[in-house]
């Protein structure tokens, strides 16, 4: 019995690839690629096809385990060392996304509230979400991601004559150097889709769910970038921190709904919170996988508070996150593009064997307990920290 359905994994993949990417990555893509910014999504998506393929091949060896369980069960020492590195990476991703959504909420919804209070409120919301386990996050994904998709699909109907297709000229003469630079910025955010195998077992993370999630997420980003170019214009788009919010502000249904952007924001902000909740979940789960006797739900608060502090220590303002995108993509390429191929070559399931060494037998007991835990999660359909 599958732990999660294909539809749920597809929606989770869309959430991880689109959730934070649509906030300000389109502006960076337009700053370099100009009117051909939508091609940056295509190139970044093609690059991500390679690690997704490697992850699918790897997950077939561990159908009852997530990737972190597989790392620890295959190589207890080296696996935990790699897991410690990934833990730092997940913590930085969580701190980055928390800082982005905090600044967005402060600018759009709560301009008079101190930013530290806004961030703490967001953290409280996510902690209670994550304590419910992966099932709670998946259920929230099933609610808010379809709302986000419907909102994006209906936006062209409301813009109508406001779309200026001359903004895309010349159509067939892209600036290759600018498109490559824009793709580099876009890849750093779209690569978050590679977090899914770390929290989902091999039975659920199959080819159909992985490829459909990646394809639909890329299509949504292309449509959003195109709408931003057609409605806002490339010269203005490349100078905005929150182009998606500025795009929503152009929606005006009637004179009585001139602040329709607040309604749309109220629908989309929970989607962003759910994505950051997955970041917090995978960070807490990494602590649990490293230390077998740690109760993961007790680590949600300490890990959340550590990410809260790091969000202000690492990024004093949103401009630093914007400027750090070039260097950050290099980190994501190493750990989410190249590392899956290395893991594919290294990780092999261990078979039971006989031996008299107490140390090796205790290691096998831990491996069997991890496998048994993964099988129980797969059979019951529940995953808790």
Foldseek 3Di string as FASTA:
>chain_A
DFLDALVLLLLVLLLQQAQQLQFFLLLLLLLQFPLVSLVLLVVLLVLLVQLLVLLLLQLVQFQLAFPLLLLCLQPVPVSLVVLVVVLVVLLVVLLQLLQSLLVVCCVPPNVPDDSLVSSVVLLVVLLVQPQQPPVSLSVLSVVQSVVVVVVLVCLCVQCVPLFDPVLNPPVPDTDVVSSVSSSLLSNLRSLSSLCVSNRGHSNNSHPSSSVSSSVVSSVSVSSSSNLLCRRVNSVVSNVDRGSSLVSLQVGDDDPVVNVVSVVVCVSSSSSSSSNSSSSLNSSLVSVCSSPVPDFSSVCSVVSSVVSSVCSCVVDVHVVVVVVCSNVSSVVSCVCRRVVSNVCSVRGHRDDDDDDDDPVVVVSVVSSVVSSVVSNVSRVVSGGGD
